[in-house]
Each structure stands twice: as structure tokens, then as C-alpha cells.
Protein backbone atom coordinates (compact mmCIF):
# COMPACT_ATOMS: atom_id res chain seq x y z
CA MET A 1 2.04 37.70 51.55
CA PRO A 2 4.26 39.99 49.41
CA GLN A 3 2.80 43.35 48.46
CA LEU A 4 2.00 43.90 44.80
CA SER A 5 3.72 46.73 42.93
CA LEU A 6 1.80 49.45 41.17
CA SER A 7 2.67 47.97 37.78
CA GLN A 8 1.28 44.62 38.89
CA VAL A 9 -2.07 45.94 40.08
CA ARG A 10 -2.50 48.49 37.30
CA VAL A 11 -4.84 47.11 34.63
CA ILE A 12 -4.51 50.09 32.29
CA ASP A 13 -1.12 51.43 31.30
CA PRO A 14 -1.43 55.25 31.42
CA VAL A 15 1.67 55.89 29.30
CA LEU A 16 0.71 53.50 26.52
CA THR A 17 -2.88 54.75 26.69
CA GLN A 18 -1.60 58.25 25.90
CA VAL A 19 0.03 56.77 22.81
CA ALA A 20 -3.29 55.27 21.75
CA THR A 21 -5.27 58.41 22.52
CA GLY A 22 -2.86 60.67 20.69
CA TYR A 23 -2.69 58.52 17.56
CA LYS A 24 -4.31 60.16 14.51
CA GLN A 25 -4.55 58.39 11.17
CA PRO A 26 -4.07 61.04 8.47
CA ASN A 27 -6.37 59.70 5.73
CA LEU A 28 -9.54 59.27 7.83
CA ILE A 29 -12.24 61.92 7.47
CA GLY A 30 -15.27 60.48 9.28
CA GLY A 31 -14.66 62.81 12.21
CA GLY A 32 -15.50 65.69 9.89
CA LEU A 33 -19.14 64.55 9.88
CA PHE A 34 -19.15 62.81 13.26
CA PRO A 35 -17.08 64.89 15.72
CA GLN A 36 -16.23 63.03 18.90
CA VAL A 37 -18.29 63.56 22.02
CA ASN A 38 -17.04 61.98 25.25
CA VAL A 39 -19.74 60.51 27.48
CA ALA A 40 -19.59 59.05 30.98
CA LEU A 41 -21.78 56.00 30.34
CA ARG A 42 -21.99 53.33 27.65
CA ALA A 43 -25.67 54.08 27.05
CA GLY A 44 -27.92 57.09 27.26
CA LYS A 45 -30.27 59.42 25.43
CA ILE A 46 -29.42 61.45 22.34
CA ILE A 47 -30.39 65.07 22.95
CA SER A 48 -32.11 66.51 19.90
CA PHE A 49 -33.33 70.03 19.16
CA GLY A 50 -36.36 71.20 17.21
CA LYS A 51 -37.45 74.39 15.46
CA GLU A 52 -37.55 76.55 18.61
CA ASP A 53 -34.99 79.06 17.31
CA PHE A 54 -37.14 79.86 14.27
CA MET A 55 -40.62 79.98 15.76
CA GLN A 56 -42.50 83.16 16.56
CA TYR A 57 -44.25 83.03 19.91
CA SER A 58 -47.41 85.12 20.17
CA GLY A 59 -47.14 84.89 23.94
CA ALA A 60 -43.83 86.77 23.91
CA VAL A 61 -45.91 89.95 24.31
CA ARG A 62 -46.47 90.24 28.04
CA ALA A 63 -49.07 92.37 29.79
CA PRO A 64 -48.26 93.80 33.22
CA GLY A 65 -48.67 91.13 35.86
CA ALA A 66 -49.23 88.36 33.31
CA ASN A 67 -47.30 85.09 33.34
CA THR A 68 -44.29 84.84 31.06
CA GLN A 69 -44.44 82.16 28.38
CA ARG A 70 -41.82 79.46 28.82
CA VAL A 71 -39.87 77.84 26.00
CA GLN A 72 -38.46 74.33 26.33
CA TYR A 73 -35.21 73.53 24.52
CA GLY A 74 -33.98 70.06 23.77
CA TYR A 75 -35.62 66.69 24.17
CA SER A 76 -34.51 63.07 24.50
CA SER A 77 -34.98 61.25 21.22
CA ASN A 78 -33.31 57.96 20.39
CA ASN A 79 -30.95 56.02 22.61
CA PHE A 80 -27.23 55.72 22.02
CA SER A 81 -25.39 52.58 22.97
CA LEU A 82 -21.62 52.25 22.79
CA VAL A 83 -19.91 49.10 21.60
CA ASP A 84 -16.55 47.90 22.89
CA TYR A 85 -13.99 46.92 20.26
CA SER A 86 -10.77 45.28 21.37
CA LEU A 87 -7.74 43.78 19.65
CA GLU A 88 -4.36 42.66 20.88
CA GLY A 89 -1.17 43.64 19.08
CA ALA A 90 1.36 40.80 19.10
CA VAL A 91 5.11 41.33 19.50
CA PRO A 92 7.07 38.05 19.17
CA ILE A 93 10.09 37.97 21.44
CA GLU A 94 12.40 37.50 18.47
CA ILE A 95 11.10 40.67 16.78
CA TYR A 96 11.25 42.59 20.05
CA GLN A 97 14.90 41.58 20.58
CA GLU A 98 15.86 42.58 17.04
CA GLY A 99 14.18 45.95 17.42
CA ILE A 100 16.17 46.95 20.50
CA GLU A 101 19.54 45.84 19.15
CA GLY A 102 21.54 49.05 19.18
CA ALA A 103 24.39 47.53 17.19
CA ASN A 104 22.26 47.79 14.06
CA GLY A 105 22.41 51.56 14.30
CA TRP A 106 18.65 51.86 14.84
CA THR A 107 15.97 50.85 17.28
CA ILE A 108 12.25 50.16 16.89
CA ASP A 109 9.78 50.58 19.73
CA HIS A 110 7.71 47.53 18.94
CA MET A 111 5.28 48.15 21.78
CA LYS A 112 4.33 51.52 20.28
CA LEU A 113 4.29 49.96 16.82
CA ALA A 114 1.86 47.30 18.03
CA ILE A 115 -0.40 50.02 19.45
CA TYR A 116 -0.28 52.05 16.23
CA LYS A 117 -1.04 49.05 14.04
CA THR A 118 -3.93 47.93 16.28
CA GLN A 119 -5.28 51.46 16.48
CA ARG A 120 -5.14 51.73 12.70
CA ILE A 121 -7.33 48.64 12.33
CA LEU A 122 -9.85 49.87 14.90
CA ALA A 123 -9.86 53.41 13.47
CA ASN A 124 -10.50 52.02 9.98
CA ARG A 125 -13.43 50.06 11.41
CA LEU A 126 -14.90 53.29 12.76
CA GLU A 127 -14.38 55.03 9.40
CA ILE A 128 -16.33 52.25 7.69
CA ALA A 129 -19.18 52.58 10.20
CA GLN A 130 -19.29 56.36 9.76
CA ALA A 131 -19.18 56.14 5.96
CA THR A 132 -21.95 53.53 5.94
CA LEU A 133 -24.22 55.84 7.94
CA ALA A 134 -23.37 58.91 5.88
CA THR A 135 -23.80 57.25 2.45
CA THR A 136 -27.07 55.38 3.03
CA SER A 137 -29.86 57.20 1.21
CA GLY A 138 -32.53 56.00 3.63
CA ASN A 139 -30.94 58.06 6.42
CA PHE A 140 -31.60 61.38 4.62
CA GLY A 141 -35.32 61.35 3.92
CA SER A 142 -36.02 63.56 0.91
CA GLN A 143 -32.59 65.23 1.09
CA THR A 144 -30.80 62.88 -1.28
CA ALA A 145 -30.39 62.45 -5.02
CA ALA A 146 -28.72 59.96 -7.34
CA LEU A 147 -26.87 61.44 -10.29
CA SER A 148 -27.03 59.63 -13.60
CA GLY A 149 -25.93 59.96 -17.23
CA THR A 150 -24.67 63.39 -18.24
CA SER A 151 -25.44 64.87 -14.81
CA ARG A 152 -22.57 62.92 -13.26
CA TRP A 153 -19.40 64.82 -12.44
CA SER A 154 -17.40 62.47 -14.65
CA ASP A 155 -19.13 63.85 -17.76
CA PHE A 156 -16.87 66.57 -19.19
CA THR A 157 -18.39 67.05 -22.67
CA SER A 158 -22.17 67.49 -22.53
CA GLY A 159 -22.22 70.71 -20.53
CA VAL A 160 -25.02 69.32 -18.34
CA SER A 161 -22.82 68.18 -15.45
CA ASP A 162 -22.46 71.05 -12.94
CA PRO A 163 -20.83 70.25 -9.56
CA ILE A 164 -21.03 73.83 -8.30
CA ASN A 165 -24.78 74.03 -8.96
CA ASP A 166 -25.33 70.60 -7.38
CA ILE A 167 -23.61 71.76 -4.21
CA GLU A 168 -25.73 74.92 -4.19
CA VAL A 169 -28.90 72.85 -4.44
CA ALA A 170 -27.79 70.76 -1.48
CA LYS A 171 -26.76 73.82 0.54
CA GLU A 172 -30.11 75.48 -0.01
CA ALA A 173 -31.98 72.30 1.01
CA VAL A 174 -30.03 72.16 4.29
CA ARG A 175 -30.41 75.91 4.93
CA ALA A 176 -34.17 75.66 4.37
CA ALA A 177 -34.34 72.79 6.87
CA ILE A 178 -32.16 74.08 9.72
CA GLY A 179 -31.58 77.77 9.00
CA ILE A 180 -27.78 77.33 8.70
CA ARG A 181 -25.76 76.80 5.57
CA PRO A 182 -23.61 73.65 5.43
CA ASN A 183 -19.94 74.05 6.28
CA THR A 184 -18.59 70.66 5.16
CA VAL A 185 -18.45 68.66 1.92
CA VAL A 186 -17.22 65.07 2.11
CA MET A 187 -16.55 62.99 -0.99
CA GLY A 188 -14.98 59.72 -2.02
CA ALA A 189 -11.54 59.62 -3.63
CA ALA A 190 -13.01 58.57 -7.01
CA VAL A 191 -15.23 61.68 -6.97
CA TRP A 192 -12.32 63.99 -6.16
CA ALA A 193 -10.23 62.49 -9.00
CA LYS A 194 -12.88 63.65 -11.48
CA LEU A 195 -13.97 66.84 -9.76
CA LYS A 196 -10.54 68.51 -9.82
CA GLN A 197 -10.46 68.02 -13.60
CA HIS A 198 -14.05 69.10 -14.25
CA PRO A 199 -14.24 71.89 -16.89
CA LYS A 200 -16.46 74.10 -14.72
CA ILE A 201 -14.05 73.81 -11.81
CA VAL A 202 -11.04 74.50 -14.05
CA ASP A 203 -12.85 77.48 -15.58
CA ARG A 204 -13.59 79.01 -12.18
CA MET A 205 -10.01 78.43 -11.06
CA LYS A 206 -8.60 80.84 -13.66
CA TYR A 207 -9.69 83.67 -11.38
CA THR A 208 -7.70 82.24 -8.44
CA GLY A 209 -4.27 82.37 -10.11
CA ARG A 210 -3.75 78.65 -9.37
CA ASP A 211 -3.19 75.88 -11.89
CA VAL A 212 -3.98 72.83 -9.75
CA ALA A 213 -7.19 72.31 -7.81
CA THR A 214 -6.80 71.79 -4.09
CA THR A 215 -9.44 71.03 -1.49
CA GLU A 216 -9.00 74.57 -0.14
CA ILE A 217 -9.67 76.15 -3.54
CA VAL A 218 -12.67 73.91 -4.22
CA ALA A 219 -14.04 74.69 -0.74
CA ALA A 220 -13.89 78.38 -1.62
CA LEU A 221 -15.65 77.72 -4.94
CA PHE A 222 -18.35 75.74 -3.14
CA GLY A 223 -18.72 78.37 -0.44
CA VAL A 224 -18.02 75.98 2.47
CA ASP A 225 -15.40 75.87 5.19
CA ARG A 226 -13.83 72.63 4.09
CA VAL A 227 -13.82 69.84 1.53
CA LEU A 228 -12.70 66.46 2.86
CA VAL A 229 -11.64 63.61 0.57
CA GLY A 230 -11.95 60.02 1.78
CA ASP A 231 -8.81 58.20 0.66
CA ALA A 232 -9.19 55.28 3.06
CA VAL A 233 -9.73 51.81 1.62
CA VAL A 234 -10.95 48.48 2.96
CA ALA A 235 -9.71 45.02 1.92
CA THR A 236 -11.60 41.75 1.80
CA ASP A 237 -10.07 38.50 3.06
CA ALA A 238 -9.16 37.80 -0.57
CA GLY A 239 -7.16 41.02 -0.75
CA VAL A 240 -9.61 42.98 -2.91
CA PHE A 241 -9.48 46.71 -2.09
CA SER A 242 -12.31 49.24 -2.39
CA ASP A 243 -12.85 52.86 -1.36
CA ILE A 244 -14.66 53.25 1.95
CA TRP A 245 -16.50 56.42 0.84
CA GLY A 246 -17.34 55.11 -2.62
CA LYS A 247 -18.70 57.45 -5.31
CA ASN A 248 -20.70 59.63 -2.93
CA VAL A 249 -20.82 63.27 -1.79
CA VAL A 250 -22.21 64.45 1.52
CA VAL A 251 -22.99 68.12 2.13
CA ALA A 252 -23.61 68.85 5.81
CA TYR A 253 -23.50 71.26 8.67
CA THR A 254 -21.48 69.76 11.47
CA GLU A 255 -20.63 71.39 14.78
CA THR A 256 -16.97 70.52 15.28
CA ALA A 257 -16.96 71.94 18.81
CA GLY A 258 -18.88 68.91 20.00
CA LEU A 259 -21.53 69.55 22.62
CA ALA A 260 -20.04 72.87 23.67
CA ASP A 261 -22.69 74.69 21.65
CA MET A 262 -25.80 72.85 22.76
CA GLY A 263 -28.72 73.25 20.44
CA THR A 264 -26.85 73.53 17.20
CA PRO A 265 -28.53 71.25 14.62
CA THR A 266 -25.39 69.31 13.78
CA PHE A 267 -25.44 66.32 11.42
CA GLY A 268 -23.80 63.70 13.58
CA TYR A 269 -21.68 62.75 16.57
CA ASN A 270 -19.33 59.93 17.44
CA TYR A 271 -20.12 59.04 21.04
CA ASN A 272 -16.96 57.91 22.84
CA LEU A 273 -16.57 56.60 26.37
CA GLY A 274 -14.50 59.11 28.34
CA GLY A 275 -10.86 58.04 28.76
CA TYR A 276 -10.95 55.68 25.78
CA PRO A 277 -9.23 54.28 23.83
CA ILE A 278 -7.25 52.48 26.50
CA VAL A 279 -4.22 50.23 26.41
CA GLU A 280 -3.95 47.55 29.07
CA GLU A 281 -0.64 46.40 30.57
CA PRO A 282 1.24 44.28 27.99
CA TYR A 283 1.50 40.67 29.06
CA PHE A 284 3.85 37.85 28.02
CA ASP A 285 2.49 34.52 26.75
CA ARG A 286 5.19 31.90 27.31
CA ASN A 287 3.61 29.40 24.93
CA ALA A 288 3.48 31.91 22.05
CA LYS A 289 6.77 33.48 23.24
CA SER A 290 5.23 36.86 22.48
CA TRP A 291 4.19 40.05 24.19
CA PHE A 292 0.57 41.08 23.68
CA VAL A 293 -0.73 44.65 23.94
CA PRO A 294 -4.54 44.87 24.36
CA VAL A 295 -6.15 48.01 22.88
CA THR A 296 -9.84 48.77 23.48
CA ARG A 297 -12.19 51.44 22.09
CA SER A 298 -15.76 52.08 23.20
CA GLU A 299 -17.72 54.14 20.69
CA ALA A 300 -20.63 54.45 18.29
CA PRO A 301 -21.39 57.04 15.56
CA TYR A 302 -24.93 58.41 15.18
CA ILE A 303 -26.72 60.76 12.81
CA VAL A 304 -28.42 63.14 15.25
CA GLY A 305 -29.74 65.65 12.72
CA ALA A 306 -30.40 64.14 9.30
CA SER A 307 -31.94 67.40 8.06
CA ALA A 308 -28.49 68.99 8.46
CA GLY A 309 -27.15 66.81 5.64
CA TYR A 310 -27.70 66.13 1.94
CA LEU A 311 -26.43 63.05 0.06
CA TYR A 312 -25.54 62.61 -3.59
CA THR A 313 -24.93 59.02 -4.75
CA THR A 314 -23.41 57.62 -7.94
CA VAL A 315 -21.76 61.01 -8.49
CA VAL A 316 -19.23 59.60 -10.99
CA SER A 317 -19.44 56.65 -13.35
């Protein structure tokens, strides 16, 4: 019996997997609220943290020979369960042959292109899942508000609308709940289009020496580390496009270092199976006369500290 080669027995292509792992879609911002945490299993317990850092323990005073009071940090709360998502990028043999034809003066690596396109679809799916979690009022308890009428950021004439004050209200609500001020503001593209023209933003900008609002300038005005704008869109089967992040604003503290700083009351995490996404060995289907490149992700986003976030809905009309 002939011996199989490494390429024949290898299920996962390590080189193409590096392409999938290194791919970053520029207009996706969900990771700003749900930083990725790699886990070894597809299911487990979410480790949550309580108010231990802020409590005063009367037993901290110790008499000679007395037992020392012990403090327990962290507890298992809800379960996390990863979901596998897999698509195959198709490369018809005719397209593949055209792409490698050097006589044209150019070449296209259609295998990499198939990975990028498939990754884009799967990454957009994750963005939708993250945005759905982060813009659902029921996930925030009392730390949510719906703007209406002249309070919306699209009202430029009444003088009632005040984005900077709204952000301060949200920041104070989060600080009172977790003892840390939020560091991230996430908003939909429709909100940003109005916010950068808002009279109170424009008025504050005159002290910066800049004429055009940027996310960096607005972050400084809001007193946060970063402002992220969700430009990503989703299309229906009929070709109707809509913004994934809608007309919402999320103010949150998120620990971007992942689980390195255990105990930080971060807003959310995206649990990802270690080593994923993966790309399996491309295979050729003779009937379809095409190469197929399977790409698989195993992940699930979770809000692990709802009190670390504040949600505004219907922010613009």
C-alpha cells in the first residue's frame, strides 16, 4: 500500500489558515465591545466578578493569633457555548486558469481571494451577532434610554439636544455601577453623520484648531479613549441594504487585553476556539470543475458585564 504524503493526510492547511487568521476587515467594530478570548473547549463557564474590590471588610482588622479573613474572587455564572460556522469558497477552474495567466501582465491568487471573500461573509455574520447583543435594550437593565423629539442628536435648532451631556450621563451611570469610567463609545453610521455636524460639537471644536470632526477629536470631547463608528451593512436576499449598528450608541468599559487582567468588569467577550478560524485543504470537484476552499470559525459573543455598558436607542431621527 503506497504511503500517503503529508499534504494528503493533512486536513487543515496551515499556510492558508494563517491567511484566514490574519485577515482583518477594516469596517467592523464589534471587537471594540467584544474583544476576542481564545478558549480550549467549545463550551464552559463564564467567569464573572462581583463587588469585591469596593467592599469594606470589617474582618480585615486582625488580632494577634486570630484567623485571617479570606476573600473569594470570581465565580462561574452562565455557560458559554461556541457555534461552528463554515462556508466553502468556490474557484471555478476557468477563473483559476485566467488568474494565473502571466501573459496578461497580472496574476490573481484566487485561493487567497476565496478565503478573503468567505472570511468577509463570516466576519459580517459575527458583527451582526455582536451588534444585536449590544443594541438590545433588554440586555442593559436600567442602563438604557431612548431619545425622542428634540433630545435626538439630529435636532440642531431647539438647543435641547446635547450629545456631550448624554455621554456624561451614561459615563456616570457606568462609573457608579463598576467604579470605572467607560473607555469606548460605539455608534451607528447614521448617528455619526449627524453628530459630527451637531452645533454643540462644532462649538467645542473651535478650541481644537480643527475644522472637521474626527473620531479622535470627538473621543477627546467625550472623555473616552476611542469612538468607533459602525459602517458595516447587511443586505437582504432582495438586495435591500441596512446599517448593522442602526441608530444606536453604546457607552461601555471594555478590557481590550482579554482575560489578561482577570477581574476587570468588562462589558463583553467574543469567545473563540483556539487556533480558529481554520482553512481545510482545498479540494477539486470534477463534476463542478471547481476548487473549493472550506473555511470554519468557532465562536460566540457574550455580554459578561451588562453594568459596564449603557445603551441609547433612536439617537437620530
